[in-house]
N, C-alpha and C. Protein backbone atom coordinates (compact mmCIF):
# COMPACT_ATOMS: atom_id res chain seq x y z
N MET A 1 6.36 17.87 -9.79
CA MET A 1 5.45 16.77 -10.06
C MET A 1 5.26 16.62 -11.57
N PRO A 2 5.36 15.40 -12.09
CA PRO A 2 5.16 15.19 -13.53
C PRO A 2 3.75 15.60 -13.96
N GLN A 3 3.60 15.82 -15.24
CA GLN A 3 2.31 16.25 -15.76
C GLN A 3 1.24 15.18 -15.54
N ARG A 4 0.00 15.60 -15.62
CA ARG A 4 -1.14 14.71 -15.44
C ARG A 4 -1.19 13.69 -16.58
N ILE A 5 -1.43 12.44 -16.23
CA ILE A 5 -1.54 11.37 -17.21
C ILE A 5 -3.00 10.92 -17.20
N VAL A 6 -3.76 11.37 -18.18
CA VAL A 6 -5.19 11.09 -18.19
C VAL A 6 -5.45 9.66 -18.63
N LEU A 7 -4.95 9.29 -19.79
CA LEU A 7 -5.18 7.93 -20.30
C LEU A 7 -4.16 7.62 -21.37
N ARG A 8 -3.40 6.59 -21.15
CA ARG A 8 -2.42 6.09 -22.12
C ARG A 8 -2.73 4.63 -22.38
N THR A 9 -2.42 4.17 -23.59
CA THR A 9 -2.65 2.76 -23.94
C THR A 9 -1.40 2.17 -24.55
N GLY A 10 -1.24 0.87 -24.36
CA GLY A 10 -0.12 0.17 -24.96
C GLY A 10 -0.38 -1.31 -25.01
N GLU A 11 0.39 -1.99 -25.83
CA GLU A 11 0.32 -3.44 -25.92
C GLU A 11 1.69 -3.95 -26.27
N ALA A 12 1.90 -5.22 -26.02
CA ALA A 12 3.19 -5.83 -26.34
C ALA A 12 2.99 -7.32 -26.52
N LEU A 13 3.94 -7.91 -27.20
CA LEU A 13 3.98 -9.36 -27.36
C LEU A 13 5.38 -9.81 -27.03
N VAL A 14 5.49 -10.76 -26.12
CA VAL A 14 6.76 -11.42 -25.82
C VAL A 14 6.52 -12.91 -25.95
N GLU A 15 7.28 -13.52 -26.84
CA GLU A 15 7.13 -14.95 -27.10
C GLU A 15 8.35 -15.71 -26.62
N ALA A 16 8.12 -16.95 -26.30
CA ALA A 16 9.20 -17.86 -25.93
C ALA A 16 8.73 -19.26 -26.24
N ALA A 17 9.65 -20.19 -26.23
CA ALA A 17 9.24 -21.59 -26.36
C ALA A 17 9.07 -22.10 -24.95
N PRO A 18 8.04 -22.78 -24.67
CA PRO A 18 6.95 -23.29 -25.51
C PRO A 18 5.92 -22.21 -25.85
N ALA A 19 5.10 -22.51 -26.86
CA ALA A 19 4.17 -21.53 -27.40
C ALA A 19 3.16 -21.02 -26.37
N TYR A 20 2.73 -21.87 -25.43
CA TYR A 20 1.74 -21.44 -24.44
C TYR A 20 2.25 -20.30 -23.56
N SER A 21 3.55 -20.06 -23.55
CA SER A 21 4.12 -19.06 -22.65
C SER A 21 4.09 -17.64 -23.22
N ALA A 22 3.61 -17.47 -24.44
CA ALA A 22 3.53 -16.13 -25.03
C ALA A 22 2.65 -15.23 -24.17
N ALA A 23 3.08 -14.00 -24.01
CA ALA A 23 2.32 -13.02 -23.24
C ALA A 23 2.01 -11.84 -24.14
N GLU A 24 0.75 -11.40 -24.13
CA GLU A 24 0.33 -10.29 -24.99
C GLU A 24 -0.63 -9.38 -24.22
N PRO A 25 -0.11 -8.64 -23.26
CA PRO A 25 -0.98 -7.75 -22.48
C PRO A 25 -1.32 -6.47 -23.24
N GLU A 26 -2.48 -5.96 -22.93
CA GLU A 26 -2.89 -4.64 -23.37
C GLU A 26 -3.11 -3.83 -22.09
N VAL A 27 -2.58 -2.62 -22.06
CA VAL A 27 -2.67 -1.82 -20.83
C VAL A 27 -3.34 -0.48 -21.09
N VAL A 28 -4.01 -0.02 -20.05
CA VAL A 28 -4.56 1.33 -19.99
C VAL A 28 -4.01 1.92 -18.70
N ILE A 29 -3.44 3.12 -18.80
CA ILE A 29 -2.81 3.76 -17.65
C ILE A 29 -3.36 5.18 -17.51
N GLY A 30 -3.66 5.56 -16.28
CA GLY A 30 -4.13 6.93 -16.06
C GLY A 30 -4.32 7.24 -14.59
N GLU A 31 -4.63 8.50 -14.33
CA GLU A 31 -4.84 8.98 -12.97
C GLU A 31 -6.04 8.27 -12.33
N LEU A 32 -5.93 8.02 -11.03
CA LEU A 32 -7.01 7.35 -10.31
C LEU A 32 -8.25 8.22 -10.17
N ASP A 33 -8.10 9.55 -10.28
CA ASP A 33 -9.27 10.42 -10.20
C ASP A 33 -9.81 10.75 -11.59
N GLY A 34 -9.46 9.95 -12.58
CA GLY A 34 -9.94 10.14 -13.94
C GLY A 34 -10.60 8.87 -14.47
N PRO A 35 -10.71 8.75 -15.80
CA PRO A 35 -11.42 7.62 -16.38
C PRO A 35 -10.82 6.25 -16.03
N VAL A 36 -9.52 6.15 -15.89
CA VAL A 36 -8.91 4.86 -15.56
C VAL A 36 -9.27 4.46 -14.13
N GLY A 37 -9.20 5.39 -13.21
CA GLY A 37 -9.58 5.10 -11.83
C GLY A 37 -11.04 4.68 -11.72
N TYR A 38 -11.92 5.37 -12.43
CA TYR A 38 -13.33 5.02 -12.41
C TYR A 38 -13.54 3.63 -13.02
N ALA A 39 -12.81 3.33 -14.09
CA ALA A 39 -12.93 2.00 -14.71
C ALA A 39 -12.46 0.92 -13.75
N ILE A 40 -11.36 1.15 -13.05
CA ILE A 40 -10.86 0.16 -12.08
C ILE A 40 -11.92 -0.09 -11.01
N ALA A 41 -12.49 0.98 -10.46
CA ALA A 41 -13.51 0.83 -9.42
C ALA A 41 -14.72 0.07 -9.94
N ASN A 42 -15.15 0.37 -11.15
CA ASN A 42 -16.30 -0.34 -11.73
C ASN A 42 -15.99 -1.80 -12.02
N LEU A 43 -14.81 -2.06 -12.56
CA LEU A 43 -14.45 -3.45 -12.88
C LEU A 43 -14.31 -4.31 -11.64
N ILE A 44 -13.66 -3.79 -10.60
CA ILE A 44 -13.45 -4.59 -9.39
C ILE A 44 -14.78 -4.82 -8.66
N GLY A 45 -15.71 -3.89 -8.81
CA GLY A 45 -17.00 -4.01 -8.13
C GLY A 45 -18.06 -4.72 -8.94
N ASP A 46 -17.77 -5.07 -10.18
CA ASP A 46 -18.74 -5.70 -11.07
C ASP A 46 -18.15 -6.97 -11.66
N GLN A 47 -17.85 -7.93 -10.79
CA GLN A 47 -17.21 -9.17 -11.21
C GLN A 47 -18.14 -9.96 -12.14
N THR A 48 -17.52 -10.64 -13.10
CA THR A 48 -18.25 -11.44 -14.08
C THR A 48 -17.72 -12.86 -14.04
N ARG A 49 -18.61 -13.82 -13.93
CA ARG A 49 -18.20 -15.23 -13.88
C ARG A 49 -17.31 -15.57 -15.08
N GLY A 50 -16.16 -16.17 -14.77
CA GLY A 50 -15.23 -16.56 -15.82
C GLY A 50 -14.25 -15.48 -16.22
N HIS A 51 -14.49 -14.25 -15.75
CA HIS A 51 -13.60 -13.13 -16.08
C HIS A 51 -13.35 -12.30 -14.83
N SER A 52 -12.92 -12.96 -13.78
CA SER A 52 -12.64 -12.28 -12.51
C SER A 52 -11.58 -11.21 -12.71
N ARG A 53 -11.74 -10.13 -11.97
CA ARG A 53 -10.77 -9.04 -11.99
C ARG A 53 -10.07 -9.04 -10.65
N VAL A 54 -8.75 -9.06 -10.67
CA VAL A 54 -7.97 -9.09 -9.44
C VAL A 54 -6.82 -8.11 -9.55
N PHE A 55 -6.37 -7.63 -8.39
CA PHE A 55 -5.20 -6.76 -8.37
C PHE A 55 -3.94 -7.57 -8.59
N ALA A 56 -2.96 -6.98 -9.24
CA ALA A 56 -1.65 -7.61 -9.39
C ALA A 56 -0.93 -7.53 -8.05
N ILE A 57 -0.45 -8.67 -7.60
CA ILE A 57 0.21 -8.76 -6.30
C ILE A 57 1.53 -9.52 -6.45
N LEU A 58 2.48 -9.17 -5.59
CA LEU A 58 3.72 -9.94 -5.53
C LEU A 58 3.48 -11.26 -4.81
N ASN A 59 2.60 -11.22 -3.83
CA ASN A 59 2.17 -12.38 -3.07
C ASN A 59 0.96 -11.92 -2.26
N CYS A 60 0.25 -12.84 -1.68
CA CYS A 60 -0.90 -12.45 -0.86
C CYS A 60 -0.47 -11.37 0.13
N ASP A 61 -1.25 -10.33 0.21
CA ASP A 61 -1.02 -9.23 1.14
C ASP A 61 0.07 -8.26 0.69
N VAL A 62 0.51 -8.34 -0.59
CA VAL A 62 1.54 -7.43 -1.10
C VAL A 62 1.13 -6.94 -2.49
N GLN A 63 0.24 -5.95 -2.52
CA GLN A 63 -0.24 -5.36 -3.77
C GLN A 63 0.79 -4.37 -4.31
N VAL A 64 0.95 -4.32 -5.63
CA VAL A 64 1.92 -3.38 -6.22
C VAL A 64 1.29 -2.01 -6.43
N ARG A 65 2.17 -1.04 -6.59
CA ARG A 65 1.82 0.33 -6.95
C ARG A 65 2.56 0.67 -8.21
N PRO A 66 1.93 1.37 -9.14
CA PRO A 66 0.55 1.79 -9.17
C PRO A 66 -0.40 0.58 -9.09
N VAL A 67 -1.58 0.83 -8.51
CA VAL A 67 -2.58 -0.23 -8.44
C VAL A 67 -2.81 -0.75 -9.84
N THR A 68 -2.80 -2.07 -9.97
CA THR A 68 -2.90 -2.70 -11.28
C THR A 68 -3.98 -3.77 -11.24
N LEU A 69 -4.96 -3.64 -12.11
CA LEU A 69 -6.07 -4.58 -12.17
C LEU A 69 -5.89 -5.49 -13.38
N MET A 70 -5.91 -6.79 -13.13
CA MET A 70 -5.82 -7.79 -14.20
C MET A 70 -7.22 -8.21 -14.63
N VAL A 71 -7.43 -8.26 -15.95
CA VAL A 71 -8.69 -8.72 -16.52
C VAL A 71 -8.35 -9.77 -17.57
N SER A 72 -8.90 -10.96 -17.42
CA SER A 72 -8.59 -12.05 -18.34
C SER A 72 -9.30 -11.89 -19.68
N LYS A 73 -8.57 -12.12 -20.77
CA LYS A 73 -9.15 -12.12 -22.11
C LYS A 73 -9.85 -13.45 -22.40
N VAL A 74 -9.50 -14.47 -21.63
CA VAL A 74 -10.01 -15.82 -21.84
C VAL A 74 -11.00 -16.15 -20.72
N THR A 75 -12.08 -16.83 -21.04
CA THR A 75 -13.01 -17.27 -20.01
C THR A 75 -12.33 -18.32 -19.15
N VAL A 76 -12.25 -18.05 -17.88
CA VAL A 76 -11.59 -18.93 -16.92
C VAL A 76 -12.61 -19.95 -16.44
N ASN A 77 -12.32 -21.24 -16.69
CA ASN A 77 -13.29 -22.25 -16.31
C ASN A 77 -12.67 -23.52 -15.73
N SER A 78 -11.42 -23.43 -15.27
CA SER A 78 -10.82 -24.59 -14.63
C SER A 78 -9.92 -24.13 -13.49
N THR A 79 -9.81 -24.98 -12.50
CA THR A 79 -8.98 -24.66 -11.33
C THR A 79 -7.52 -24.52 -11.73
N LYS A 80 -7.02 -25.40 -12.61
CA LYS A 80 -5.62 -25.32 -13.01
C LYS A 80 -5.35 -23.98 -13.71
N TYR A 81 -6.22 -23.59 -14.63
CA TYR A 81 -6.05 -22.33 -15.34
C TYR A 81 -6.07 -21.17 -14.35
N THR A 82 -7.03 -21.18 -13.43
CA THR A 82 -7.13 -20.13 -12.41
C THR A 82 -5.86 -20.04 -11.60
N ASN A 83 -5.34 -21.16 -11.16
CA ASN A 83 -4.14 -21.16 -10.32
C ASN A 83 -2.91 -20.64 -11.06
N ILE A 84 -2.81 -20.95 -12.35
CA ILE A 84 -1.68 -20.44 -13.14
C ILE A 84 -1.84 -18.94 -13.39
N LEU A 85 -3.06 -18.53 -13.74
CA LEU A 85 -3.34 -17.12 -14.00
C LEU A 85 -3.16 -16.28 -12.73
N MET A 86 -3.68 -16.77 -11.62
CA MET A 86 -3.63 -16.02 -10.36
C MET A 86 -2.38 -16.35 -9.55
N GLY A 87 -1.44 -17.00 -10.18
CA GLY A 87 -0.17 -17.32 -9.53
C GLY A 87 0.98 -16.79 -10.37
N THR A 88 1.46 -17.62 -11.27
CA THR A 88 2.62 -17.28 -12.08
C THR A 88 2.41 -16.02 -12.91
N VAL A 89 1.28 -15.94 -13.62
CA VAL A 89 1.03 -14.79 -14.49
C VAL A 89 0.84 -13.52 -13.66
N GLN A 90 0.08 -13.62 -12.59
CA GLN A 90 -0.14 -12.47 -11.72
C GLN A 90 1.17 -11.94 -11.14
N ALA A 91 2.03 -12.84 -10.71
CA ALA A 91 3.34 -12.44 -10.17
C ALA A 91 4.20 -11.80 -11.26
N GLY A 92 4.16 -12.35 -12.47
CA GLY A 92 4.92 -11.78 -13.57
C GLY A 92 4.46 -10.37 -13.89
N ILE A 93 3.15 -10.16 -13.93
CA ILE A 93 2.60 -8.83 -14.20
C ILE A 93 3.00 -7.86 -13.09
N ALA A 94 2.86 -8.27 -11.85
CA ALA A 94 3.23 -7.40 -10.72
C ALA A 94 4.69 -6.97 -10.81
N ASN A 95 5.55 -7.91 -11.11
CA ASN A 95 6.97 -7.59 -11.24
C ASN A 95 7.24 -6.70 -12.44
N GLY A 96 6.51 -6.90 -13.53
CA GLY A 96 6.65 -6.03 -14.70
C GLY A 96 6.26 -4.60 -14.42
N VAL A 97 5.22 -4.41 -13.60
CA VAL A 97 4.82 -3.05 -13.21
C VAL A 97 5.94 -2.39 -12.43
N LEU A 98 6.50 -3.11 -11.46
CA LEU A 98 7.60 -2.53 -10.67
C LEU A 98 8.84 -2.28 -11.53
N ASP A 99 9.08 -3.15 -12.51
CA ASP A 99 10.20 -2.92 -13.44
C ASP A 99 9.99 -1.62 -14.21
N ALA A 100 8.74 -1.34 -14.60
CA ALA A 100 8.43 -0.11 -15.34
C ALA A 100 8.66 1.13 -14.47
N VAL A 101 8.35 1.03 -13.19
CA VAL A 101 8.63 2.14 -12.27
C VAL A 101 10.14 2.31 -12.13
N ARG A 102 10.83 1.20 -11.91
CA ARG A 102 12.30 1.25 -11.74
C ARG A 102 12.98 1.83 -12.99
N ALA A 103 12.45 1.53 -14.16
CA ALA A 103 13.02 2.02 -15.42
C ALA A 103 12.67 3.49 -15.68
N GLY A 104 11.76 4.04 -14.90
CA GLY A 104 11.37 5.43 -15.09
C GLY A 104 10.22 5.63 -16.06
N ASP A 105 9.67 4.54 -16.60
CA ASP A 105 8.54 4.68 -17.52
C ASP A 105 7.31 5.21 -16.78
N ILE A 106 7.16 4.81 -15.55
CA ILE A 106 6.14 5.37 -14.67
C ILE A 106 6.88 6.16 -13.60
N PRO A 107 6.62 7.44 -13.50
CA PRO A 107 7.32 8.24 -12.48
C PRO A 107 7.02 7.71 -11.07
N LYS A 108 8.06 7.44 -10.31
CA LYS A 108 7.92 6.91 -8.95
C LYS A 108 7.01 7.78 -8.10
N GLU A 109 7.13 9.10 -8.26
CA GLU A 109 6.33 10.01 -7.46
C GLU A 109 4.84 9.99 -7.85
N LYS A 110 4.48 9.29 -8.93
CA LYS A 110 3.08 9.16 -9.34
C LYS A 110 2.52 7.76 -9.03
N ALA A 111 3.31 6.93 -8.36
CA ALA A 111 2.91 5.53 -8.13
C ALA A 111 1.62 5.39 -7.34
N ASN A 112 1.30 6.34 -6.50
CA ASN A 112 0.06 6.26 -5.72
C ASN A 112 -1.10 7.00 -6.39
N ASP A 113 -0.83 7.67 -7.49
CA ASP A 113 -1.85 8.46 -8.17
C ASP A 113 -2.35 7.83 -9.46
N LEU A 114 -1.62 6.84 -9.97
CA LEU A 114 -1.96 6.21 -11.24
C LEU A 114 -2.58 4.84 -11.02
N GLY A 115 -3.33 4.41 -12.00
CA GLY A 115 -3.86 3.06 -12.04
C GLY A 115 -3.58 2.44 -13.39
N ILE A 116 -3.49 1.12 -13.41
CA ILE A 116 -3.22 0.38 -14.64
C ILE A 116 -4.25 -0.75 -14.75
N ILE A 117 -4.83 -0.90 -15.92
CA ILE A 117 -5.66 -2.06 -16.22
C ILE A 117 -4.87 -2.88 -17.23
N VAL A 118 -4.68 -4.16 -16.92
CA VAL A 118 -3.96 -5.06 -17.83
C VAL A 118 -4.93 -6.13 -18.31
N SER A 119 -5.17 -6.15 -19.61
CA SER A 119 -5.96 -7.20 -20.22
C SER A 119 -4.98 -8.34 -20.52
N VAL A 120 -5.22 -9.50 -19.91
CA VAL A 120 -4.25 -10.59 -19.87
C VAL A 120 -4.63 -11.73 -20.80
N TRP A 121 -3.66 -12.18 -21.59
CA TRP A 121 -3.83 -13.38 -22.41
C TRP A 121 -3.02 -14.50 -21.79
N LEU A 122 -3.68 -15.59 -21.48
CA LEU A 122 -3.01 -16.83 -21.09
C LEU A 122 -3.61 -17.92 -21.95
N ASP A 123 -2.76 -18.54 -22.76
CA ASP A 123 -3.19 -19.57 -23.70
C ASP A 123 -3.93 -20.68 -22.96
N PRO A 124 -5.16 -21.00 -23.38
CA PRO A 124 -5.92 -22.06 -22.73
C PRO A 124 -5.22 -23.43 -22.75
N SER A 125 -4.31 -23.64 -23.70
CA SER A 125 -3.60 -24.92 -23.77
C SER A 125 -2.68 -25.14 -22.58
N VAL A 126 -2.48 -24.12 -21.76
CA VAL A 126 -1.61 -24.22 -20.59
C VAL A 126 -2.12 -25.30 -19.62
N THR A 127 -3.39 -25.62 -19.70
CA THR A 127 -3.95 -26.63 -18.80
C THR A 127 -3.65 -28.06 -19.26
N GLU A 128 -3.14 -28.20 -20.49
CA GLU A 128 -2.93 -29.52 -21.07
C GLU A 128 -1.47 -29.94 -21.13
N VAL A 129 -0.58 -29.13 -20.55
CA VAL A 129 0.86 -29.39 -20.67
C VAL A 129 1.54 -29.27 -19.31
N GLU A 130 2.77 -29.73 -19.26
CA GLU A 130 3.62 -29.50 -18.09
C GLU A 130 4.15 -28.08 -18.23
N VAL A 131 3.81 -27.21 -17.30
CA VAL A 131 4.10 -25.78 -17.40
C VAL A 131 5.49 -25.47 -16.85
N ASP A 132 6.24 -24.69 -17.63
CA ASP A 132 7.50 -24.14 -17.14
C ASP A 132 7.16 -22.77 -16.55
N HIS A 133 6.99 -22.72 -15.24
CA HIS A 133 6.54 -21.50 -14.58
C HIS A 133 7.56 -20.37 -14.66
N ASP A 134 8.85 -20.71 -14.74
CA ASP A 134 9.87 -19.66 -14.86
C ASP A 134 9.74 -18.92 -16.19
N ILE A 135 9.55 -19.66 -17.27
CA ILE A 135 9.40 -19.03 -18.59
C ILE A 135 8.11 -18.22 -18.64
N LEU A 136 7.01 -18.79 -18.15
CA LEU A 136 5.73 -18.10 -18.17
C LEU A 136 5.79 -16.82 -17.33
N PHE A 137 6.42 -16.87 -16.18
CA PHE A 137 6.62 -15.69 -15.34
C PHE A 137 7.39 -14.62 -16.10
N GLU A 138 8.49 -15.02 -16.71
CA GLU A 138 9.37 -14.05 -17.37
C GLU A 138 8.72 -13.41 -18.60
N THR A 139 7.98 -14.18 -19.41
CA THR A 139 7.33 -13.57 -20.57
C THR A 139 6.29 -12.55 -20.13
N ASN A 140 5.54 -12.86 -19.08
CA ASN A 140 4.54 -11.91 -18.59
C ASN A 140 5.18 -10.68 -17.95
N ARG A 141 6.28 -10.89 -17.25
CA ARG A 141 7.00 -9.77 -16.66
C ARG A 141 7.51 -8.83 -17.75
N GLN A 142 8.20 -9.39 -18.73
CA GLN A 142 8.77 -8.58 -19.80
C GLN A 142 7.68 -7.89 -20.63
N ALA A 143 6.62 -8.64 -20.96
CA ALA A 143 5.56 -8.07 -21.79
C ALA A 143 4.83 -6.94 -21.08
N THR A 144 4.62 -7.08 -19.78
CA THR A 144 3.95 -6.02 -19.02
C THR A 144 4.81 -4.76 -19.00
N ALA A 145 6.08 -4.91 -18.69
CA ALA A 145 6.98 -3.75 -18.67
C ALA A 145 7.07 -3.10 -20.06
N LYS A 146 7.11 -3.93 -21.09
CA LYS A 146 7.19 -3.42 -22.46
C LYS A 146 5.91 -2.67 -22.86
N ALA A 147 4.74 -3.22 -22.51
CA ALA A 147 3.48 -2.56 -22.84
C ALA A 147 3.36 -1.23 -22.11
N ILE A 148 3.79 -1.18 -20.85
CA ILE A 148 3.77 0.07 -20.10
C ILE A 148 4.72 1.09 -20.73
N HIS A 149 5.92 0.64 -21.10
CA HIS A 149 6.88 1.54 -21.76
C HIS A 149 6.25 2.13 -23.03
N LYS A 150 5.66 1.27 -23.85
CA LYS A 150 5.06 1.74 -25.09
C LYS A 150 3.92 2.71 -24.82
N ALA A 151 3.11 2.44 -23.80
CA ALA A 151 2.00 3.34 -23.46
C ALA A 151 2.52 4.71 -23.03
N MET A 152 3.51 4.70 -22.18
CA MET A 152 4.00 5.97 -21.62
C MET A 152 4.83 6.78 -22.62
N HIS A 153 5.29 6.13 -23.68
CA HIS A 153 6.08 6.83 -24.70
C HIS A 153 5.32 6.94 -26.03
N ASN A 154 4.01 6.64 -25.99
CA ASN A 154 3.16 6.72 -27.20
C ASN A 154 3.77 5.98 -28.38
N GLU A 155 4.17 4.75 -28.14
CA GLU A 155 4.77 3.93 -29.19
C GLU A 155 3.81 2.82 -29.62
N PRO A 156 3.78 2.51 -30.91
CA PRO A 156 4.53 3.19 -31.97
C PRO A 156 3.90 4.54 -32.29
N GLY A 157 4.72 5.45 -32.72
CA GLY A 157 4.27 6.80 -33.06
C GLY A 157 3.54 6.82 -34.39
N ILE A 158 2.74 7.84 -34.59
CA ILE A 158 1.94 7.93 -35.81
C ILE A 158 2.81 8.02 -37.06
N ASP A 159 3.93 8.71 -37.00
CA ASP A 159 4.80 8.80 -38.19
C ASP A 159 5.33 7.43 -38.56
N TRP A 160 5.75 6.63 -37.57
CA TRP A 160 6.24 5.28 -37.83
C TRP A 160 5.12 4.42 -38.42
N LEU A 161 3.92 4.52 -37.84
CA LEU A 161 2.79 3.72 -38.33
C LEU A 161 2.46 4.05 -39.78
N LEU A 162 2.42 5.34 -40.10
CA LEU A 162 2.12 5.74 -41.48
C LEU A 162 3.20 5.27 -42.44
N ALA A 163 4.46 5.35 -42.03
CA ALA A 163 5.57 4.93 -42.90
C ALA A 163 5.62 3.43 -43.09
N ASN A 164 5.14 2.66 -42.12
CA ASN A 164 5.27 1.20 -42.17
C ASN A 164 3.97 0.45 -42.41
N GLN A 165 2.88 1.15 -42.59
CA GLN A 165 1.56 0.52 -42.74
C GLN A 165 1.54 -0.55 -43.82
N LYS A 166 2.13 -0.27 -44.97
CA LYS A 166 2.08 -1.22 -46.09
C LYS A 166 3.01 -2.42 -45.89
N ASN A 167 3.94 -2.32 -44.95
CA ASN A 167 4.92 -3.38 -44.74
C ASN A 167 4.52 -4.39 -43.67
N ILE A 168 3.42 -4.12 -42.98
CA ILE A 168 3.04 -4.96 -41.85
C ILE A 168 1.72 -5.66 -42.15
N THR A 169 1.74 -6.98 -42.00
CA THR A 169 0.54 -7.78 -42.18
C THR A 169 0.21 -8.47 -40.87
N HIS A 170 -1.04 -8.37 -40.45
CA HIS A 170 -1.48 -9.02 -39.21
C HIS A 170 -1.28 -10.53 -39.37
N TYR A 171 -0.64 -11.14 -38.39
CA TYR A 171 -0.27 -12.56 -38.43
C TYR A 171 -1.47 -13.47 -38.71
N PHE A 172 -2.56 -13.30 -37.97
CA PHE A 172 -3.70 -14.18 -38.15
C PHE A 172 -4.48 -13.87 -39.42
N HIS A 173 -4.43 -12.64 -39.88
CA HIS A 173 -5.01 -12.30 -41.18
C HIS A 173 -4.26 -13.07 -42.28
N GLN A 174 -2.94 -13.08 -42.19
CA GLN A 174 -2.14 -13.79 -43.18
C GLN A 174 -2.43 -15.29 -43.15
N LEU A 175 -2.53 -15.86 -41.93
CA LEU A 175 -2.87 -17.28 -41.81
C LEU A 175 -4.22 -17.56 -42.48
N GLY A 176 -5.18 -16.66 -42.27
CA GLY A 176 -6.49 -16.84 -42.89
C GLY A 176 -6.42 -16.80 -44.40
N LYS A 177 -5.64 -15.86 -44.94
CA LYS A 177 -5.47 -15.76 -46.39
C LYS A 177 -4.83 -17.01 -46.96
N GLU A 178 -3.95 -17.63 -46.16
CA GLU A 178 -3.27 -18.85 -46.60
C GLU A 178 -4.07 -20.11 -46.33
N GLY A 179 -5.28 -19.96 -45.79
CA GLY A 179 -6.12 -21.12 -45.51
C GLY A 179 -5.64 -21.95 -44.33
N LYS A 180 -4.90 -21.34 -43.42
CA LYS A 180 -4.32 -22.09 -42.29
C LYS A 180 -5.10 -21.89 -40.99
N LEU A 181 -6.25 -21.22 -41.06
CA LEU A 181 -7.07 -21.06 -39.86
C LEU A 181 -8.24 -22.00 -39.87
C-alpha cells in the first residue's frame, strides 16, 4: 500500500482560444480520514448560495473516484452559467481525475481512500458567447489532471522556485503596473 497522503496542493492553468475556455483549478488532495475528508464533509453539508459544492461526475449517477468535490471560485447567479459549470466543466474535471489515476499520479489502490477538492474557475463571460463545449471540456480535463500531477509530485519544487523567483512576474500584477487593469 502506498504511503499515507495527508494533504497535497496543486494548481494549473490550461489556456485555449477562445479566452473564456481557460481552466485554472486549484486542488487539495488527501486521505478521507484526515483534514481533506473532513473539509469535504463540511463543504458538502454547508452549502452557500451562489457557491454550491457538488461531486465531480461523469454523468448523473456516475461519481468518480477518488471522490472529488467541486467548489466554484465565481458566484453562480444564472441558469446558463450553472448548466455549463455543472455540465461541461464538471465532466471535464471528472475525466481529468480519472486521467490522473490512469497516469499513476494517484495510486489506483488509494482511489477509495483519497478525496480531492477542486476550486473551479469558469469565466463569467461564458454566458455571453456561443460556447465551444469540446474546447471547454478539454481545457478543464487537462488542467485538472495537470494540477493533480503537480500536487502529487510537489511541483514546482522549492529549489526551482528559489532559482526562478526573480524571473517570474505575476501576469495581473504586470498588467496593473502597465495601467491595463
